[in-house]
Amino acid sequence: MSDAASTIEKLKARFRVETDADLALRLLLSRSTIANWRNRNSVPSRYVSIADGQPNSAEYWRAYGELNDVERAAMKLAALRIARDFADIAQDYRAFLDRGYEAALAFNSYWQTACVDVMKGMDERETEDAVTVANLIAYSEIVSKE
């Protein structure tokens, strides 16, 4: 078994999934990314470290430039949702003091949800364009509701 195939199998075991498609969903990647790893026989080091059992919670706080397309698009969608749901704290200093910490803590959850929403939207629209999907979701949730 090649190094990439071995790493992919370890990742599947770690995330308790059976298919490459399910692994891609769990890693917030496109389905073709896993196939590309197999074809190139190379897996990015951040995923090798996850496969080797290192904690991946720090992955959420890596530099913006290191995020994949889905993660970047979802980050903007999450920020928009936070702004919508916590709009009162931007207008009222007391609300900021009371709920500002709650909004900051909520961001990771909002981001993870947005990542899943973008991936599902990509699957539904049969596209790899995460930015357009995130923009369509934002439009439907924010602009069309006004």
N, C-alpha and C. Protein backbone atom coordinates (compact mmCIF):
# COMPACT_ATOMS: atom_id res chain seq x y z
N MET A 1 0.85 -1.18 0.00
CA MET A 1 0.00 0.00 0.00
C MET A 1 0.90 1.24 0.00
N SER A 2 0.59 2.24 -0.85
CA SER A 2 1.40 3.45 -0.93
C SER A 2 1.25 4.29 0.34
N ASP A 3 2.15 5.23 0.50
CA ASP A 3 2.08 6.11 1.67
C ASP A 3 0.76 6.88 1.72
N ALA A 4 0.35 7.41 0.57
CA ALA A 4 -0.90 8.17 0.53
C ALA A 4 -2.08 7.26 0.87
N ALA A 5 -2.13 6.09 0.29
CA ALA A 5 -3.24 5.16 0.55
C ALA A 5 -3.28 4.78 2.03
N SER A 6 -2.12 4.56 2.61
CA SER A 6 -2.04 4.23 4.03
C SER A 6 -2.55 5.38 4.89
N THR A 7 -2.13 6.59 4.57
CA THR A 7 -2.57 7.77 5.32
C THR A 7 -4.08 7.96 5.18
N ILE A 8 -4.59 7.77 3.98
CA ILE A 8 -6.03 7.92 3.75
C ILE A 8 -6.80 6.88 4.56
N GLU A 9 -6.31 5.65 4.61
CA GLU A 9 -6.96 4.61 5.42
C GLU A 9 -6.92 4.97 6.91
N LYS A 10 -5.81 5.53 7.39
CA LYS A 10 -5.71 5.96 8.79
C LYS A 10 -6.72 7.07 9.07
N LEU A 11 -6.85 8.01 8.13
CA LEU A 11 -7.81 9.10 8.30
C LEU A 11 -9.24 8.55 8.35
N LYS A 12 -9.54 7.59 7.50
CA LYS A 12 -10.87 6.97 7.51
C LYS A 12 -11.14 6.32 8.86
N ALA A 13 -10.15 5.63 9.38
CA ALA A 13 -10.31 4.98 10.69
C ALA A 13 -10.48 6.03 11.78
N ARG A 14 -9.71 7.08 11.72
CA ARG A 14 -9.76 8.13 12.74
C ARG A 14 -11.14 8.80 12.76
N PHE A 15 -11.70 9.04 11.58
CA PHE A 15 -12.99 9.72 11.50
C PHE A 15 -14.17 8.75 11.39
N ARG A 16 -13.87 7.44 11.47
CA ARG A 16 -14.89 6.40 11.45
C ARG A 16 -15.79 6.50 10.22
N VAL A 17 -15.15 6.61 9.06
CA VAL A 17 -15.88 6.62 7.79
C VAL A 17 -15.33 5.50 6.91
N GLU A 18 -16.08 5.12 5.91
CA GLU A 18 -15.66 4.00 5.08
C GLU A 18 -15.26 4.39 3.67
N THR A 19 -15.81 5.48 3.15
CA THR A 19 -15.53 5.84 1.77
C THR A 19 -14.69 7.12 1.67
N ASP A 20 -14.07 7.29 0.51
CA ASP A 20 -13.31 8.51 0.27
C ASP A 20 -14.24 9.73 0.29
N ALA A 21 -15.44 9.57 -0.24
CA ALA A 21 -16.41 10.68 -0.25
C ALA A 21 -16.78 11.11 1.16
N ASP A 22 -16.99 10.15 2.05
CA ASP A 22 -17.31 10.49 3.44
C ASP A 22 -16.12 11.15 4.13
N LEU A 23 -14.92 10.67 3.82
CA LEU A 23 -13.72 11.28 4.40
C LEU A 23 -13.59 12.73 3.92
N ALA A 24 -13.83 12.96 2.65
CA ALA A 24 -13.75 14.32 2.11
C ALA A 24 -14.72 15.24 2.84
N LEU A 25 -15.93 14.75 3.08
CA LEU A 25 -16.92 15.53 3.80
C LEU A 25 -16.46 15.86 5.21
N ARG A 26 -15.91 14.87 5.90
CA ARG A 26 -15.43 15.09 7.27
C ARG A 26 -14.25 16.06 7.33
N LEU A 27 -13.41 16.05 6.29
CA LEU A 27 -12.25 16.93 6.26
C LEU A 27 -12.55 18.27 5.60
N LEU A 28 -13.79 18.45 5.17
CA LEU A 28 -14.23 19.67 4.51
C LEU A 28 -13.45 19.92 3.23
N LEU A 29 -13.29 18.87 2.46
CA LEU A 29 -12.58 18.93 1.18
C LEU A 29 -13.51 18.49 0.08
N SER A 30 -13.13 18.78 -1.15
CA SER A 30 -13.92 18.28 -2.27
C SER A 30 -13.60 16.79 -2.45
N ARG A 31 -14.51 16.09 -3.06
CA ARG A 31 -14.31 14.66 -3.28
C ARG A 31 -13.09 14.39 -4.16
N SER A 32 -12.83 15.28 -5.10
CA SER A 32 -11.70 15.07 -6.01
C SER A 32 -10.35 15.24 -5.32
N THR A 33 -10.32 15.94 -4.19
CA THR A 33 -9.06 16.14 -3.48
C THR A 33 -8.47 14.82 -3.01
N ILE A 34 -9.30 13.94 -2.47
CA ILE A 34 -8.82 12.64 -2.00
C ILE A 34 -8.28 11.84 -3.18
N ALA A 35 -8.99 11.88 -4.30
CA ALA A 35 -8.52 11.17 -5.50
C ALA A 35 -7.19 11.73 -5.97
N ASN A 36 -7.03 13.03 -5.89
CA ASN A 36 -5.76 13.65 -6.28
C ASN A 36 -4.63 13.20 -5.36
N TRP A 37 -4.90 13.06 -4.07
CA TRP A 37 -3.87 12.57 -3.14
C TRP A 37 -3.42 11.18 -3.58
N ARG A 38 -4.39 10.34 -3.91
CA ARG A 38 -4.05 8.97 -4.34
C ARG A 38 -3.22 9.01 -5.63
N ASN A 39 -3.64 9.80 -6.59
CA ASN A 39 -2.94 9.87 -7.87
C ASN A 39 -1.52 10.41 -7.73
N ARG A 40 -1.33 11.39 -6.88
CA ARG A 40 -0.01 11.98 -6.67
C ARG A 40 0.80 11.21 -5.64
N ASN A 41 0.15 10.29 -4.92
CA ASN A 41 0.76 9.55 -3.82
C ASN A 41 1.37 10.52 -2.79
N SER A 42 0.58 11.53 -2.48
CA SER A 42 1.04 12.55 -1.54
C SER A 42 -0.15 13.17 -0.82
N VAL A 43 -0.05 13.23 0.50
CA VAL A 43 -1.08 13.83 1.34
C VAL A 43 -0.44 15.01 2.06
N PRO A 44 -1.10 16.18 2.09
CA PRO A 44 -0.52 17.33 2.80
C PRO A 44 -0.19 17.01 4.25
N SER A 45 0.87 17.61 4.74
CA SER A 45 1.40 17.28 6.07
C SER A 45 0.39 17.49 7.18
N ARG A 46 -0.47 18.50 7.06
CA ARG A 46 -1.44 18.73 8.15
C ARG A 46 -2.39 17.55 8.29
N TYR A 47 -2.70 16.85 7.17
CA TYR A 47 -3.59 15.69 7.24
C TYR A 47 -2.82 14.44 7.66
N VAL A 48 -1.54 14.37 7.32
CA VAL A 48 -0.71 13.26 7.79
C VAL A 48 -0.62 13.30 9.31
N SER A 49 -0.45 14.51 9.87
CA SER A 49 -0.34 14.62 11.33
C SER A 49 -1.65 14.23 12.00
N ILE A 50 -2.78 14.55 11.39
CA ILE A 50 -4.07 14.14 11.93
C ILE A 50 -4.18 12.62 11.88
N ALA A 51 -3.77 12.03 10.75
CA ALA A 51 -3.82 10.58 10.60
C ALA A 51 -2.94 9.88 11.63
N ASP A 52 -1.84 10.54 11.98
CA ASP A 52 -0.91 9.96 12.96
C ASP A 52 -1.35 10.17 14.40
N GLY A 53 -2.54 10.74 14.58
CA GLY A 53 -3.11 10.84 15.92
C GLY A 53 -2.90 12.15 16.63
N GLN A 54 -2.31 13.12 15.97
CA GLN A 54 -2.13 14.40 16.63
C GLN A 54 -3.47 15.13 16.66
N PRO A 55 -3.71 15.89 17.72
CA PRO A 55 -4.99 16.59 17.82
C PRO A 55 -5.16 17.57 16.66
N ASN A 56 -6.39 17.70 16.19
CA ASN A 56 -6.62 18.60 15.07
C ASN A 56 -7.41 19.84 15.45
N SER A 57 -7.67 20.07 16.72
CA SER A 57 -8.44 21.25 17.11
C SER A 57 -7.72 22.54 16.72
N ALA A 58 -6.41 22.54 16.71
CA ALA A 58 -5.66 23.73 16.32
C ALA A 58 -5.82 24.04 14.85
N GLU A 59 -6.27 23.07 14.06
CA GLU A 59 -6.45 23.30 12.62
C GLU A 59 -7.43 24.43 12.35
N TYR A 60 -8.37 24.67 13.27
CA TYR A 60 -9.35 25.72 13.04
C TYR A 60 -8.74 27.11 13.12
N TRP A 61 -7.56 27.21 13.69
CA TRP A 61 -6.98 28.53 13.91
C TRP A 61 -5.71 28.75 13.10
N ARG A 62 -5.52 27.99 12.04
CA ARG A 62 -4.35 28.21 11.20
C ARG A 62 -4.55 29.48 10.37
N ALA A 63 -3.51 29.92 9.73
CA ALA A 63 -3.55 31.16 8.96
C ALA A 63 -4.59 31.08 7.86
N TYR A 64 -5.23 32.20 7.57
CA TYR A 64 -6.28 32.25 6.56
C TYR A 64 -5.79 31.73 5.21
N GLY A 65 -4.56 32.04 4.86
CA GLY A 65 -4.00 31.60 3.59
C GLY A 65 -3.83 30.10 3.49
N GLU A 66 -3.83 29.40 4.62
CA GLU A 66 -3.67 27.95 4.62
C GLU A 66 -5.00 27.21 4.54
N LEU A 67 -6.10 27.93 4.57
CA LEU A 67 -7.41 27.30 4.50
C LEU A 67 -7.71 26.88 3.07
N ASN A 68 -8.51 25.83 2.92
CA ASN A 68 -8.92 25.45 1.57
C ASN A 68 -10.10 26.34 1.13
N ASP A 69 -10.52 26.20 -0.10
CA ASP A 69 -11.57 27.06 -0.66
C ASP A 69 -12.86 26.98 0.13
N VAL A 70 -13.24 25.78 0.53
CA VAL A 70 -14.48 25.61 1.31
C VAL A 70 -14.35 26.32 2.64
N GLU A 71 -13.23 26.15 3.33
CA GLU A 71 -13.04 26.78 4.64
C GLU A 71 -13.05 28.30 4.54
N ARG A 72 -12.42 28.86 3.51
CA ARG A 72 -12.41 30.32 3.34
C ARG A 72 -13.81 30.84 3.04
N ALA A 73 -14.52 30.18 2.13
CA ALA A 73 -15.87 30.62 1.79
C ALA A 73 -16.78 30.50 3.01
N ALA A 74 -16.64 29.42 3.76
CA ALA A 74 -17.46 29.21 4.95
C ALA A 74 -17.13 30.21 6.05
N MET A 75 -15.88 30.65 6.12
CA MET A 75 -15.51 31.64 7.14
C MET A 75 -16.27 32.94 6.91
N LYS A 76 -16.38 33.35 5.65
CA LYS A 76 -17.13 34.57 5.35
C LYS A 76 -18.61 34.39 5.66
N LEU A 77 -19.14 33.21 5.33
CA LEU A 77 -20.54 32.94 5.62
C LEU A 77 -20.77 32.91 7.13
N ALA A 78 -19.86 32.32 7.88
CA ALA A 78 -19.98 32.28 9.34
C ALA A 78 -19.94 33.68 9.93
N ALA A 79 -19.03 34.52 9.41
CA ALA A 79 -18.93 35.90 9.91
C ALA A 79 -20.24 36.65 9.65
N LEU A 80 -20.83 36.44 8.50
CA LEU A 80 -22.10 37.08 8.17
C LEU A 80 -23.20 36.61 9.12
N ARG A 81 -23.23 35.31 9.39
CA ARG A 81 -24.24 34.77 10.31
C ARG A 81 -24.05 35.29 11.73
N ILE A 82 -22.79 35.39 12.16
CA ILE A 82 -22.51 35.96 13.49
C ILE A 82 -23.00 37.40 13.55
N ALA A 83 -22.70 38.17 12.52
CA ALA A 83 -23.13 39.58 12.48
C ALA A 83 -24.65 39.68 12.55
N ARG A 84 -25.32 38.78 11.85
CA ARG A 84 -26.79 38.76 11.87
C ARG A 84 -27.32 38.39 13.26
N ASP A 85 -26.79 37.33 13.82
CA ASP A 85 -27.33 36.80 15.08
C ASP A 85 -26.92 37.59 16.32
N PHE A 86 -25.82 38.32 16.21
CA PHE A 86 -25.35 39.10 17.36
C PHE A 86 -25.30 40.59 17.02
N ALA A 87 -26.19 41.05 16.13
CA ALA A 87 -26.18 42.45 15.69
C ALA A 87 -26.38 43.41 16.85
N ASP A 88 -27.12 43.00 17.85
CA ASP A 88 -27.40 43.89 18.98
C ASP A 88 -26.14 44.31 19.73
N ILE A 89 -25.12 43.47 19.74
CA ILE A 89 -23.92 43.82 20.51
C ILE A 89 -23.08 44.88 19.81
N ALA A 90 -23.28 45.06 18.51
CA ALA A 90 -22.56 46.11 17.80
C ALA A 90 -23.19 47.48 18.04
N GLN A 91 -24.43 47.51 18.44
CA GLN A 91 -25.16 48.76 18.63
C GLN A 91 -25.25 49.20 20.09
N ASP A 92 -25.06 48.27 20.99
CA ASP A 92 -25.29 48.56 22.40
C ASP A 92 -24.10 48.08 23.23
N TYR A 93 -23.42 49.01 23.87
CA TYR A 93 -22.21 48.68 24.62
C TYR A 93 -22.51 47.69 25.75
N ARG A 94 -23.64 47.86 26.42
CA ARG A 94 -23.98 46.91 27.50
C ARG A 94 -24.18 45.50 26.93
N ALA A 95 -24.82 45.41 25.79
CA ALA A 95 -25.00 44.10 25.15
C ALA A 95 -23.64 43.52 24.77
N PHE A 96 -22.73 44.37 24.31
CA PHE A 96 -21.39 43.91 23.99
C PHE A 96 -20.72 43.34 25.24
N LEU A 97 -20.82 44.06 26.35
CA LEU A 97 -20.21 43.58 27.59
C LEU A 97 -20.85 42.26 28.04
N ASP A 98 -22.14 42.14 27.86
CA ASP A 98 -22.86 40.95 28.30
C ASP A 98 -22.66 39.75 27.35
N ARG A 99 -22.65 40.01 26.04
CA ARG A 99 -22.70 38.91 25.09
C ARG A 99 -21.51 38.84 24.13
N GLY A 100 -20.58 39.76 24.23
CA GLY A 100 -19.44 39.76 23.30
C GLY A 100 -18.63 38.47 23.37
N TYR A 101 -18.42 37.98 24.56
CA TYR A 101 -17.66 36.75 24.73
C TYR A 101 -18.42 35.57 24.13
N GLU A 102 -19.73 35.57 24.30
CA GLU A 102 -20.57 34.51 23.73
C GLU A 102 -20.45 34.49 22.20
N ALA A 103 -20.46 35.66 21.58
CA ALA A 103 -20.33 35.74 20.12
C ALA A 103 -18.97 35.22 19.68
N ALA A 104 -17.92 35.58 20.39
CA ALA A 104 -16.59 35.11 20.02
C ALA A 104 -16.48 33.60 20.15
N LEU A 105 -17.04 33.05 21.21
CA LEU A 105 -17.00 31.60 21.40
C LEU A 105 -17.85 30.86 20.38
N ALA A 106 -18.88 31.50 19.89
CA ALA A 106 -19.79 30.86 18.94
C ALA A 106 -19.16 30.73 17.55
N PHE A 107 -18.12 31.50 17.26
CA PHE A 107 -17.62 31.54 15.89
C PHE A 107 -17.20 30.15 15.39
N ASN A 108 -16.50 29.37 16.18
CA ASN A 108 -16.04 28.06 15.72
C ASN A 108 -17.22 27.17 15.33
N SER A 109 -18.27 27.20 16.12
CA SER A 109 -19.46 26.41 15.80
C SER A 109 -20.12 26.92 14.53
N TYR A 110 -20.22 28.23 14.39
CA TYR A 110 -20.81 28.82 13.18
C TYR A 110 -19.97 28.43 11.96
N TRP A 111 -18.65 28.44 12.11
CA TRP A 111 -17.77 28.12 10.98
C TRP A 111 -17.93 26.67 10.56
N GLN A 112 -17.95 25.77 11.54
CA GLN A 112 -18.12 24.35 11.21
C GLN A 112 -19.45 24.11 10.50
N THR A 113 -20.50 24.73 10.99
CA THR A 113 -21.82 24.60 10.36
C THR A 113 -21.79 25.15 8.94
N ALA A 114 -21.14 26.30 8.77
CA ALA A 114 -21.05 26.91 7.44
C ALA A 114 -20.26 26.01 6.49
N CYS A 115 -19.19 25.38 6.97
CA CYS A 115 -18.41 24.46 6.14
C CYS A 115 -19.29 23.33 5.63
N VAL A 116 -20.07 22.74 6.51
CA VAL A 116 -20.96 21.65 6.13
C VAL A 116 -22.02 22.16 5.15
N ASP A 117 -22.58 23.34 5.41
CA ASP A 117 -23.59 23.90 4.52
C ASP A 117 -23.03 24.15 3.12
N VAL A 118 -21.81 24.67 3.05
CA VAL A 118 -21.18 24.93 1.75
C VAL A 118 -20.93 23.61 1.03
N MET A 119 -20.40 22.62 1.73
CA MET A 119 -20.15 21.32 1.10
C MET A 119 -21.45 20.70 0.58
N LYS A 120 -22.51 20.76 1.37
CA LYS A 120 -23.80 20.21 0.93
C LYS A 120 -24.31 20.98 -0.28
N GLY A 121 -24.16 22.30 -0.25
CA GLY A 121 -24.59 23.11 -1.39
C GLY A 121 -23.81 22.78 -2.65
N MET A 122 -22.52 22.51 -2.49
CA MET A 122 -21.69 22.13 -3.63
C MET A 122 -22.17 20.80 -4.20
N ASP A 123 -22.49 19.86 -3.33
CA ASP A 123 -23.00 18.56 -3.79
C ASP A 123 -24.34 18.72 -4.50
N GLU A 124 -25.25 19.51 -3.91
CA GLU A 124 -26.58 19.70 -4.50
C GLU A 124 -26.49 20.35 -5.88
N ARG A 125 -25.57 21.29 -6.02
CA ARG A 125 -25.42 22.02 -7.29
C ARG A 125 -24.42 21.37 -8.23
N GLU A 126 -23.81 20.28 -7.75
CA GLU A 126 -22.79 19.55 -8.52
C GLU A 126 -21.72 20.50 -9.04
N THR A 127 -21.13 21.26 -8.12
CA THR A 127 -20.08 22.22 -8.46
C THR A 127 -18.96 22.15 -7.44
N GLU A 128 -17.80 22.61 -7.84
CA GLU A 128 -16.64 22.70 -6.94
C GLU A 128 -16.41 24.15 -6.53
N ASP A 129 -17.31 25.06 -6.89
CA ASP A 129 -17.16 26.49 -6.64
C ASP A 129 -17.75 26.86 -5.28
N ALA A 130 -16.93 26.77 -4.25
CA ALA A 130 -17.37 27.04 -2.88
C ALA A 130 -17.79 28.48 -2.67
N VAL A 131 -17.09 29.40 -3.30
CA VAL A 131 -17.39 30.82 -3.12
C VAL A 131 -18.79 31.15 -3.63
N THR A 132 -19.13 30.69 -4.82
CA THR A 132 -20.45 30.96 -5.37
C THR A 132 -21.53 30.33 -4.50
N VAL A 133 -21.30 29.11 -4.02
CA VAL A 133 -22.28 28.45 -3.16
C VAL A 133 -22.47 29.23 -1.87
N ALA A 134 -21.38 29.66 -1.24
CA ALA A 134 -21.48 30.45 -0.01
C ALA A 134 -22.22 31.76 -0.27
N ASN A 135 -21.94 32.39 -1.41
CA ASN A 135 -22.64 33.63 -1.75
C ASN A 135 -24.14 33.40 -1.94
N LEU A 136 -24.50 32.29 -2.57
CA LEU A 136 -25.92 31.97 -2.76
C LEU A 136 -26.61 31.70 -1.42
N ILE A 137 -25.92 31.01 -0.53
CA ILE A 137 -26.48 30.75 0.80
C ILE A 137 -26.66 32.07 1.54
N ALA A 138 -25.65 32.91 1.51
CA ALA A 138 -25.73 34.21 2.18
C ALA A 138 -26.88 35.03 1.63
N TYR A 139 -27.01 35.05 0.32
CA TYR A 139 -28.10 35.80 -0.31
C TYR A 139 -29.46 35.29 0.17
N SER A 140 -29.61 33.97 0.17
CA SER A 140 -30.91 33.41 0.56
C SER A 140 -31.22 33.64 2.04
N GLU A 141 -30.18 33.68 2.88
CA GLU A 141 -30.41 33.86 4.32
C GLU A 141 -30.51 35.32 4.74
N ILE A 142 -29.78 36.18 4.07
CA ILE A 142 -29.66 37.56 4.52
C ILE A 142 -30.42 38.53 3.61
N VAL A 143 -30.04 38.58 2.36
CA VAL A 143 -30.57 39.59 1.46
C VAL A 143 -32.03 39.33 1.12
N SER A 144 -32.38 38.10 0.77
CA SER A 144 -33.74 37.82 0.36
C SER A 144 -34.73 37.86 1.53
N LYS A 145 -34.23 37.87 2.76
CA LYS A 145 -35.10 37.93 3.94
C LYS A 145 -35.50 39.36 4.27
N GLU A 146 -34.80 40.35 3.69
CA GLU A 146 -35.07 41.76 4.02
C GLU A 146 -36.31 42.27 3.35
